[in-house]
Amino acid sequence: MEGKLGRLLMAGRGQAQVTPRARTNQLLYQMELLLATPVRDDEHQDAHRRACEEGALALFGLALDALLRDVSEHAHLVEHDWHTMLVGDRYPDIAEVRRLRELANDRDSWLGRLISYLDALESDGGASQGTSVGPPGVIAVGGRRDLRQDLRDCLTMAKAEIATLRQTSEEW
């Protein structure tokens, strides 16, 4: 195959390439679907709940990487890993990344909570416990923090922030 279409098909192994914006949206939608999955009432209930919560959380982490590619496309960066760009010492001086770093450093923000959960997900204990708990330092009213609901809340706030970040990015 010749031309741009051929390159796109070859690069995507037979599939047209997806833009970072579309990939971000796709991952957030898949996350929403997992969070909306009802938990069965049987002997596997706890494992099923944990699988949905941690699966949704993993998708949120992938969406965060895609979002960073989306809002920093104009800078032609090589690295878009959220660890590097949001919590690392070396990061690009881009307005959208600076805004996300501010949110990441605020443990009460949606992104601060998300990063705490992602760190827990990568630990031996995982993010979804036998009884859901919040990120370290968060006190749950009633003794229990609902990870599923907190992820929904983070997603709602993230969508509003994403719209703002995309608008700023497009102005460049």
N, C-alpha and C. Protein backbone atom coordinates (compact mmCIF):
# COMPACT_ATOMS: atom_id res chain seq x y z
N MET A 1 0.83 -1.18 0.00
CA MET A 1 0.00 0.00 0.00
C MET A 1 0.88 1.24 0.00
N GLU A 2 0.41 2.23 -0.69
CA GLU A 2 1.16 3.47 -0.82
C GLU A 2 0.50 4.56 0.02
N GLY A 3 1.29 5.59 0.33
CA GLY A 3 0.75 6.80 0.92
C GLY A 3 0.42 6.70 2.40
N LYS A 4 -0.32 7.74 2.82
CA LYS A 4 -0.64 7.90 4.23
C LYS A 4 -1.50 6.75 4.77
N LEU A 5 -2.50 6.31 4.01
CA LEU A 5 -3.36 5.23 4.46
C LEU A 5 -2.54 3.96 4.70
N GLY A 6 -1.63 3.67 3.79
CA GLY A 6 -0.78 2.50 3.95
C GLY A 6 0.06 2.57 5.20
N ARG A 7 0.62 3.74 5.48
CA ARG A 7 1.43 3.91 6.70
C ARG A 7 0.57 3.75 7.94
N LEU A 8 -0.64 4.31 7.90
CA LEU A 8 -1.53 4.18 9.05
C LEU A 8 -1.92 2.73 9.28
N LEU A 9 -2.23 2.02 8.20
CA LEU A 9 -2.61 0.62 8.35
C LEU A 9 -1.44 -0.23 8.83
N MET A 10 -0.26 0.03 8.33
CA MET A 10 0.91 -0.73 8.76
C MET A 10 1.26 -0.42 10.22
N ALA A 11 1.18 0.86 10.59
CA ALA A 11 1.52 1.25 11.96
C ALA A 11 0.54 0.65 12.96
N GLY A 12 -0.71 0.52 12.55
CA GLY A 12 -1.74 -0.01 13.45
C GLY A 12 -2.00 -1.48 13.23
N ARG A 13 -1.12 -2.18 12.52
CA ARG A 13 -1.26 -3.62 12.25
C ARG A 13 -2.63 -3.92 11.63
N GLY A 14 -2.97 -3.15 10.61
CA GLY A 14 -4.23 -3.40 9.91
C GLY A 14 -5.37 -2.53 10.38
N GLN A 15 -5.16 -1.75 11.40
CA GLN A 15 -6.21 -0.87 11.89
C GLN A 15 -5.75 0.57 11.78
N ALA A 16 -6.68 1.45 11.47
CA ALA A 16 -6.35 2.87 11.44
C ALA A 16 -5.95 3.31 12.84
N GLN A 17 -5.00 4.22 12.93
CA GLN A 17 -4.53 4.68 14.24
C GLN A 17 -5.59 5.55 14.91
N VAL A 18 -5.63 5.47 16.22
CA VAL A 18 -6.55 6.24 17.02
C VAL A 18 -5.79 7.44 17.58
N THR A 19 -6.43 8.58 17.61
CA THR A 19 -5.79 9.77 18.16
C THR A 19 -5.72 9.67 19.68
N PRO A 20 -4.79 10.40 20.30
CA PRO A 20 -4.74 10.39 21.78
C PRO A 20 -6.06 10.84 22.41
N ARG A 21 -6.74 11.80 21.79
CA ARG A 21 -8.03 12.26 22.32
C ARG A 21 -9.06 11.13 22.27
N ALA A 22 -9.13 10.45 21.14
CA ALA A 22 -10.09 9.36 21.01
C ALA A 22 -9.75 8.22 21.97
N ARG A 23 -8.46 7.94 22.13
CA ARG A 23 -8.04 6.87 23.05
C ARG A 23 -8.40 7.23 24.48
N THR A 24 -8.18 8.48 24.87
CA THR A 24 -8.55 8.92 26.21
C THR A 24 -10.05 8.71 26.43
N ASN A 25 -10.85 9.18 25.47
CA ASN A 25 -12.31 9.03 25.59
C ASN A 25 -12.71 7.56 25.65
N GLN A 26 -12.09 6.74 24.82
CA GLN A 26 -12.40 5.32 24.78
C GLN A 26 -12.11 4.65 26.13
N LEU A 27 -10.95 4.94 26.70
CA LEU A 27 -10.57 4.34 27.98
C LEU A 27 -11.47 4.81 29.12
N LEU A 28 -11.84 6.09 29.11
CA LEU A 28 -12.73 6.59 30.16
C LEU A 28 -14.12 5.97 30.04
N TYR A 29 -14.57 5.76 28.81
CA TYR A 29 -15.86 5.11 28.60
C TYR A 29 -15.82 3.65 29.08
N GLN A 30 -14.75 2.94 28.74
CA GLN A 30 -14.61 1.56 29.20
C GLN A 30 -14.57 1.50 30.72
N MET A 31 -13.93 2.49 31.33
CA MET A 31 -13.88 2.56 32.78
C MET A 31 -15.30 2.73 33.35
N GLU A 32 -16.06 3.63 32.73
CA GLU A 32 -17.45 3.83 33.17
C GLU A 32 -18.25 2.53 33.07
N LEU A 33 -18.05 1.79 31.99
CA LEU A 33 -18.76 0.52 31.83
C LEU A 33 -18.42 -0.46 32.95
N LEU A 34 -17.15 -0.55 33.30
CA LEU A 34 -16.75 -1.45 34.39
C LEU A 34 -17.35 -1.01 35.72
N LEU A 35 -17.34 0.29 35.96
CA LEU A 35 -17.89 0.79 37.22
C LEU A 35 -19.40 0.59 37.31
N ALA A 36 -20.06 0.53 36.15
CA ALA A 36 -21.51 0.33 36.13
C ALA A 36 -21.91 -1.14 36.16
N THR A 37 -20.94 -2.03 36.06
CA THR A 37 -21.22 -3.46 36.08
C THR A 37 -21.74 -3.86 37.46
N PRO A 38 -22.93 -4.43 37.50
CA PRO A 38 -23.45 -4.84 38.81
C PRO A 38 -22.64 -6.01 39.38
N VAL A 39 -22.47 -5.98 40.68
CA VAL A 39 -21.75 -7.05 41.37
C VAL A 39 -22.75 -8.16 41.67
N ARG A 40 -22.37 -9.36 41.26
CA ARG A 40 -23.24 -10.52 41.49
C ARG A 40 -23.33 -10.82 42.98
N ASP A 41 -24.45 -11.36 43.36
CA ASP A 41 -24.66 -11.73 44.76
C ASP A 41 -24.44 -13.24 44.90
N ASP A 42 -23.16 -13.63 44.95
CA ASP A 42 -22.83 -15.04 45.11
C ASP A 42 -21.51 -15.16 45.86
N GLU A 43 -20.93 -16.35 45.89
CA GLU A 43 -19.70 -16.56 46.65
C GLU A 43 -18.49 -15.82 46.05
N HIS A 44 -18.63 -15.33 44.83
CA HIS A 44 -17.53 -14.61 44.18
C HIS A 44 -17.74 -13.09 44.21
N GLN A 45 -18.68 -12.66 45.00
CA GLN A 45 -19.07 -11.25 45.04
C GLN A 45 -17.89 -10.33 45.31
N ASP A 46 -17.10 -10.63 46.33
CA ASP A 46 -15.99 -9.75 46.69
C ASP A 46 -14.92 -9.73 45.58
N ALA A 47 -14.61 -10.88 45.02
CA ALA A 47 -13.62 -10.95 43.94
C ALA A 47 -14.12 -10.20 42.70
N HIS A 48 -15.39 -10.33 42.40
CA HIS A 48 -15.97 -9.64 41.25
C HIS A 48 -15.92 -8.13 41.45
N ARG A 49 -16.30 -7.67 42.64
CA ARG A 49 -16.26 -6.24 42.94
C ARG A 49 -14.84 -5.70 42.80
N ARG A 50 -13.89 -6.43 43.38
CA ARG A 50 -12.49 -6.00 43.32
C ARG A 50 -11.98 -5.98 41.89
N ALA A 51 -12.36 -6.95 41.09
CA ALA A 51 -11.93 -6.99 39.69
C ALA A 51 -12.47 -5.79 38.92
N CYS A 52 -13.72 -5.45 39.15
CA CYS A 52 -14.30 -4.27 38.48
C CYS A 52 -13.62 -2.99 38.93
N GLU A 53 -13.40 -2.85 40.22
CA GLU A 53 -12.76 -1.63 40.75
C GLU A 53 -11.33 -1.49 40.25
N GLU A 54 -10.55 -2.56 40.36
CA GLU A 54 -9.15 -2.46 39.95
C GLU A 54 -9.01 -2.39 38.44
N GLY A 55 -9.89 -3.05 37.71
CA GLY A 55 -9.89 -2.93 36.25
C GLY A 55 -10.19 -1.51 35.82
N ALA A 56 -11.20 -0.90 36.45
CA ALA A 56 -11.55 0.49 36.14
C ALA A 56 -10.40 1.42 36.49
N LEU A 57 -9.76 1.16 37.61
CA LEU A 57 -8.62 1.99 38.02
C LEU A 57 -7.46 1.87 37.03
N ALA A 58 -7.17 0.66 36.58
CA ALA A 58 -6.10 0.46 35.60
C ALA A 58 -6.42 1.21 34.30
N LEU A 59 -7.69 1.17 33.88
CA LEU A 59 -8.09 1.92 32.69
C LEU A 59 -7.93 3.42 32.90
N PHE A 60 -8.21 3.90 34.11
CA PHE A 60 -8.03 5.32 34.42
C PHE A 60 -6.56 5.70 34.29
N GLY A 61 -5.67 4.83 34.74
CA GLY A 61 -4.24 5.10 34.60
C GLY A 61 -3.82 5.16 33.14
N LEU A 62 -4.32 4.24 32.33
CA LEU A 62 -4.03 4.27 30.89
C LEU A 62 -4.60 5.54 30.25
N ALA A 63 -5.80 5.93 30.68
CA ALA A 63 -6.41 7.15 30.16
C ALA A 63 -5.59 8.38 30.54
N LEU A 64 -4.98 8.36 31.70
CA LEU A 64 -4.14 9.48 32.13
C LEU A 64 -2.93 9.62 31.20
N ASP A 65 -2.32 8.50 30.83
CA ASP A 65 -1.22 8.54 29.85
C ASP A 65 -1.70 9.09 28.51
N ALA A 66 -2.85 8.61 28.05
CA ALA A 66 -3.41 9.08 26.77
C ALA A 66 -3.75 10.57 26.85
N LEU A 67 -4.27 11.01 27.99
CA LEU A 67 -4.58 12.43 28.16
C LEU A 67 -3.32 13.28 28.06
N LEU A 68 -2.26 12.82 28.66
CA LEU A 68 -1.00 13.57 28.59
C LEU A 68 -0.50 13.65 27.15
N ARG A 69 -0.67 12.60 26.37
CA ARG A 69 -0.32 12.66 24.94
C ARG A 69 -1.22 13.66 24.23
N ASP A 70 -2.50 13.64 24.56
CA ASP A 70 -3.49 14.51 23.95
C ASP A 70 -3.17 15.98 24.17
N VAL A 71 -2.98 16.37 25.42
CA VAL A 71 -2.82 17.80 25.72
C VAL A 71 -1.41 18.33 25.50
N SER A 72 -0.47 17.42 25.22
CA SER A 72 0.91 17.89 24.97
C SER A 72 1.37 17.59 23.54
N GLU A 73 0.45 17.22 22.67
CA GLU A 73 0.79 16.92 21.28
C GLU A 73 1.56 18.06 20.62
N HIS A 74 1.14 19.28 20.91
CA HIS A 74 1.76 20.46 20.28
C HIS A 74 3.23 20.60 20.65
N ALA A 75 3.66 19.97 21.74
CA ALA A 75 5.06 20.07 22.19
C ALA A 75 5.95 18.97 21.60
N HIS A 76 5.33 17.98 20.94
CA HIS A 76 6.08 16.88 20.31
C HIS A 76 7.01 16.17 21.29
N LEU A 77 6.48 15.81 22.45
CA LEU A 77 7.26 15.13 23.47
C LEU A 77 7.47 13.66 23.12
N VAL A 78 8.54 13.11 23.64
CA VAL A 78 8.83 11.69 23.44
C VAL A 78 8.17 10.87 24.55
N GLU A 79 8.19 11.37 25.76
CA GLU A 79 7.72 10.66 26.95
C GLU A 79 6.37 11.23 27.40
N HIS A 80 5.39 10.34 27.69
CA HIS A 80 4.08 10.77 28.17
C HIS A 80 3.62 9.97 29.38
N ASP A 81 4.53 9.31 30.05
CA ASP A 81 4.20 8.50 31.21
C ASP A 81 3.78 9.41 32.37
N TRP A 82 2.65 9.09 32.98
CA TRP A 82 2.14 9.97 34.04
C TRP A 82 3.08 10.00 35.23
N HIS A 83 3.78 8.90 35.53
CA HIS A 83 4.74 8.91 36.64
C HIS A 83 5.79 9.99 36.41
N THR A 84 6.34 10.01 35.23
CA THR A 84 7.41 10.95 34.89
C THR A 84 6.90 12.38 34.85
N MET A 85 5.78 12.58 34.18
CA MET A 85 5.30 13.95 33.96
C MET A 85 4.61 14.58 35.16
N LEU A 86 3.99 13.77 36.01
CA LEU A 86 3.19 14.35 37.09
C LEU A 86 3.82 14.24 38.46
N VAL A 87 4.65 13.25 38.70
CA VAL A 87 5.26 13.13 40.03
C VAL A 87 6.78 13.10 39.99
N GLY A 88 7.35 13.04 38.80
CA GLY A 88 8.81 13.02 38.67
C GLY A 88 9.43 14.40 38.85
N ASP A 89 10.75 14.41 38.97
CA ASP A 89 11.47 15.67 39.14
C ASP A 89 11.66 16.42 37.83
N ARG A 90 11.71 15.67 36.73
CA ARG A 90 11.91 16.29 35.42
C ARG A 90 10.61 16.19 34.63
N TYR A 91 10.10 17.33 34.23
CA TYR A 91 8.85 17.35 33.49
C TYR A 91 8.88 18.53 32.52
N PRO A 92 8.11 18.44 31.44
CA PRO A 92 8.10 19.52 30.46
C PRO A 92 7.37 20.75 31.00
N ASP A 93 7.84 21.91 30.61
CA ASP A 93 7.23 23.16 31.05
C ASP A 93 6.10 23.53 30.09
N ILE A 94 5.00 22.81 30.26
CA ILE A 94 3.80 23.01 29.44
C ILE A 94 2.67 23.33 30.40
N ALA A 95 1.86 24.32 30.05
CA ALA A 95 0.80 24.79 30.94
C ALA A 95 -0.12 23.65 31.40
N GLU A 96 -0.49 22.77 30.48
CA GLU A 96 -1.40 21.68 30.84
C GLU A 96 -0.75 20.71 31.82
N VAL A 97 0.52 20.45 31.63
CA VAL A 97 1.24 19.56 32.55
C VAL A 97 1.40 20.24 33.91
N ARG A 98 1.69 21.53 33.90
CA ARG A 98 1.80 22.26 35.18
C ARG A 98 0.48 22.19 35.94
N ARG A 99 -0.64 22.36 35.25
CA ARG A 99 -1.95 22.30 35.91
C ARG A 99 -2.18 20.90 36.49
N LEU A 100 -1.88 19.87 35.72
CA LEU A 100 -2.06 18.51 36.22
C LEU A 100 -1.12 18.21 37.39
N ARG A 101 0.09 18.74 37.36
CA ARG A 101 1.01 18.55 38.48
C ARG A 101 0.47 19.21 39.75
N GLU A 102 -0.13 20.38 39.61
CA GLU A 102 -0.75 21.03 40.78
C GLU A 102 -1.83 20.13 41.37
N LEU A 103 -2.67 19.58 40.52
CA LEU A 103 -3.73 18.68 40.99
C LEU A 103 -3.14 17.41 41.61
N ALA A 104 -2.09 16.89 41.00
CA ALA A 104 -1.46 15.66 41.50
C ALA A 104 -0.88 15.87 42.89
N ASN A 105 -0.39 17.07 43.16
CA ASN A 105 0.20 17.37 44.47
C ASN A 105 -0.83 17.69 45.54
N ASP A 106 -2.08 17.87 45.14
CA ASP A 106 -3.17 18.12 46.09
C ASP A 106 -3.87 16.79 46.36
N ARG A 107 -3.58 16.20 47.50
CA ARG A 107 -4.11 14.86 47.82
C ARG A 107 -5.63 14.82 47.89
N ASP A 108 -6.27 15.98 48.03
CA ASP A 108 -7.73 16.01 48.09
C ASP A 108 -8.38 16.17 46.72
N SER A 109 -7.58 16.47 45.69
CA SER A 109 -8.12 16.64 44.35
C SER A 109 -8.40 15.28 43.72
N TRP A 110 -9.15 15.28 42.65
CA TRP A 110 -9.45 14.02 41.95
C TRP A 110 -8.16 13.34 41.50
N LEU A 111 -7.19 14.12 41.01
CA LEU A 111 -5.96 13.53 40.51
C LEU A 111 -5.05 13.06 41.66
N GLY A 112 -5.03 13.80 42.75
CA GLY A 112 -4.26 13.36 43.92
C GLY A 112 -4.78 12.04 44.45
N ARG A 113 -6.11 11.91 44.51
CA ARG A 113 -6.71 10.64 44.97
C ARG A 113 -6.44 9.53 43.96
N LEU A 114 -6.57 9.84 42.67
CA LEU A 114 -6.33 8.84 41.64
C LEU A 114 -4.90 8.31 41.72
N ILE A 115 -3.94 9.19 41.88
CA ILE A 115 -2.54 8.75 41.95
C ILE A 115 -2.31 7.89 43.19
N SER A 116 -2.95 8.24 44.30
CA SER A 116 -2.84 7.38 45.50
C SER A 116 -3.39 5.99 45.22
N TYR A 117 -4.52 5.94 44.54
CA TYR A 117 -5.10 4.64 44.19
C TYR A 117 -4.22 3.87 43.21
N LEU A 118 -3.66 4.57 42.22
CA LEU A 118 -2.78 3.90 41.24
C LEU A 118 -1.53 3.36 41.92
N ASP A 119 -0.99 4.12 42.86
CA ASP A 119 0.16 3.62 43.62
C ASP A 119 -0.22 2.37 44.41
N ALA A 120 -1.41 2.38 45.01
CA ALA A 120 -1.87 1.21 45.76
C ALA A 120 -2.11 0.02 44.83
N LEU A 121 -2.63 0.30 43.63
CA LEU A 121 -2.87 -0.76 42.65
C LEU A 121 -1.59 -1.50 42.31
N GLU A 122 -0.49 -0.78 42.24
CA GLU A 122 0.79 -1.37 41.89
C GLU A 122 1.48 -2.05 43.07
N SER A 123 0.91 -1.91 44.26
CA SER A 123 1.49 -2.55 45.44
C SER A 123 0.98 -3.99 45.56
N ASP A 124 1.58 -4.75 46.47
CA ASP A 124 1.18 -6.13 46.68
C ASP A 124 -0.27 -6.26 47.15
N GLY A 125 -0.75 -5.29 47.91
CA GLY A 125 -2.11 -5.37 48.45
C GLY A 125 -3.18 -4.96 47.48
N GLY A 126 -2.83 -4.23 46.45
CA GLY A 126 -3.81 -3.75 45.50
C GLY A 126 -4.58 -2.56 46.03
N ALA A 127 -5.41 -1.99 45.19
CA ALA A 127 -6.17 -0.80 45.57
C ALA A 127 -7.51 -1.16 46.19
N SER A 128 -8.09 -2.25 45.74
CA SER A 128 -9.39 -2.66 46.22
C SER A 128 -9.20 -3.71 47.30
N GLN A 129 -9.52 -3.34 48.49
CA GLN A 129 -9.34 -4.24 49.62
C GLN A 129 -10.59 -5.08 49.82
N GLY A 130 -10.49 -6.01 50.76
CA GLY A 130 -11.66 -6.81 51.12
C GLY A 130 -12.82 -5.91 51.53
N THR A 131 -12.49 -4.83 52.17
CA THR A 131 -13.44 -3.75 52.40
C THR A 131 -12.78 -2.52 51.81
N SER A 132 -13.45 -1.83 50.92
CA SER A 132 -12.85 -0.71 50.20
C SER A 132 -12.37 0.35 51.17
N VAL A 133 -11.18 0.84 50.89
CA VAL A 133 -10.63 1.92 51.68
C VAL A 133 -10.14 3.00 50.75
N GLY A 134 -10.03 4.21 51.27
CA GLY A 134 -9.55 5.32 50.47
C GLY A 134 -8.05 5.37 50.46
N PRO A 135 -7.53 6.37 49.76
CA PRO A 135 -6.08 6.53 49.74
C PRO A 135 -5.57 6.85 51.13
N PRO A 136 -4.29 6.63 51.38
CA PRO A 136 -3.74 6.91 52.70
C PRO A 136 -4.06 8.34 53.14
N GLY A 137 -4.44 8.47 54.38
CA GLY A 137 -4.71 9.80 54.93
C GLY A 137 -6.16 10.24 54.77
N VAL A 138 -6.97 9.50 54.03
CA VAL A 138 -8.36 9.86 53.85
C VAL A 138 -9.19 9.11 54.87
N ILE A 139 -9.96 9.85 55.62
CA ILE A 139 -10.80 9.24 56.64
C ILE A 139 -12.19 9.09 56.06
N ALA A 140 -12.69 7.89 56.07
CA ALA A 140 -14.01 7.63 55.51
C ALA A 140 -15.06 7.76 56.61
N VAL A 141 -16.14 8.46 56.30
CA VAL A 141 -17.24 8.57 57.23
C VAL A 141 -17.95 7.22 57.24
N GLY A 142 -18.25 6.72 58.42
CA GLY A 142 -18.89 5.43 58.53
C GLY A 142 -17.88 4.29 58.50
N GLY A 143 -16.58 4.59 58.50
CA GLY A 143 -15.56 3.57 58.60
C GLY A 143 -15.15 2.93 57.29
N ARG A 144 -15.80 3.27 56.18
CA ARG A 144 -15.49 2.60 54.92
C ARG A 144 -15.60 3.59 53.77
N ARG A 145 -14.64 3.58 52.89
CA ARG A 145 -14.68 4.44 51.72
C ARG A 145 -14.97 3.55 50.52
N ASP A 146 -15.95 3.91 49.73
CA ASP A 146 -16.37 3.14 48.58
C ASP A 146 -15.50 3.51 47.38
N LEU A 147 -14.57 2.63 47.02
CA LEU A 147 -13.65 2.89 45.91
C LEU A 147 -14.41 3.12 44.62
N ARG A 148 -15.42 2.32 44.37
CA ARG A 148 -16.20 2.45 43.13
C ARG A 148 -16.80 3.85 43.02
N GLN A 149 -17.41 4.31 44.09
CA GLN A 149 -18.03 5.64 44.06
C GLN A 149 -16.97 6.73 43.97
N ASP A 150 -15.87 6.56 44.66
CA ASP A 150 -14.81 7.57 44.59
C ASP A 150 -14.23 7.65 43.18
N LEU A 151 -14.09 6.51 42.52
CA LEU A 151 -13.61 6.53 41.13
C LEU A 151 -14.61 7.23 40.23
N ARG A 152 -15.89 7.00 40.46
CA ARG A 152 -16.93 7.73 39.69
C ARG A 152 -16.80 9.23 39.91
N ASP A 153 -16.63 9.62 41.18
CA ASP A 153 -16.48 11.04 41.50
C ASP A 153 -15.24 11.63 40.83
N CYS A 154 -14.13 10.90 40.89
CA CYS A 154 -12.89 11.34 40.25
C CYS A 154 -13.10 11.49 38.75
N LEU A 155 -13.81 10.56 38.15
CA LEU A 155 -14.07 10.60 36.72
C LEU A 155 -14.89 11.82 36.33
N THR A 156 -15.90 12.13 37.11
CA THR A 156 -16.73 13.31 36.84
C THR A 156 -15.88 14.58 36.87
N MET A 157 -15.05 14.71 37.89
CA MET A 157 -14.19 15.89 38.01
C MET A 157 -13.12 15.89 36.92
N ALA A 158 -12.62 14.72 36.57
CA ALA A 158 -11.60 14.61 35.52
C ALA A 158 -12.16 15.08 34.19
N LYS A 159 -13.38 14.70 33.87
CA LYS A 159 -13.98 15.10 32.59
C LYS A 159 -14.07 16.62 32.47
N ALA A 160 -14.44 17.28 33.55
CA ALA A 160 -14.51 18.74 33.52
C ALA A 160 -13.13 19.33 33.30
N GLU A 161 -12.14 18.79 33.99
CA GLU A 161 -10.76 19.28 33.86
C GLU A 161 -10.22 18.99 32.46
N ILE A 162 -10.54 17.83 31.92
CA ILE A 162 -10.06 17.45 30.59
C ILE A 162 -10.57 18.44 29.54
N ALA A 163 -11.83 18.82 29.65
CA ALA A 163 -12.39 19.78 28.69
C ALA A 163 -11.61 21.10 28.73
N THR A 164 -11.28 21.56 29.92
CA THR A 164 -10.51 22.79 30.08
C THR A 164 -9.10 22.63 29.52
N LEU A 165 -8.46 21.52 29.84
CA LEU A 165 -7.10 21.27 29.35
C LEU A 165 -7.05 21.19 27.83
N ARG A 166 -8.04 20.55 27.24
CA ARG A 166 -8.08 20.44 25.78
C ARG A 166 -8.27 21.79 25.12
N GLN A 167 -9.10 22.63 25.74
CA GLN A 167 -9.32 23.96 25.19
C GLN A 167 -8.02 24.75 25.22
N THR A 168 -7.29 24.69 26.33
CA THR A 168 -6.02 25.39 26.45
C THR A 168 -5.02 24.85 25.44
N SER A 169 -4.98 23.53 25.28
CA SER A 169 -4.06 22.89 24.34
C SER A 169 -4.35 23.30 22.90
N GLU A 170 -5.62 23.39 22.55
CA GLU A 170 -6.00 23.77 21.19
C GLU A 170 -5.61 25.21 20.88
N GLU A 171 -5.55 26.05 21.89
CA GLU A 171 -5.16 27.44 21.66
C GLU A 171 -3.72 27.55 21.21
N TRP A 172 -2.91 26.55 21.52
CA TRP A 172 -1.51 26.56 21.09
C TRP A 172 -1.45 26.21 19.64
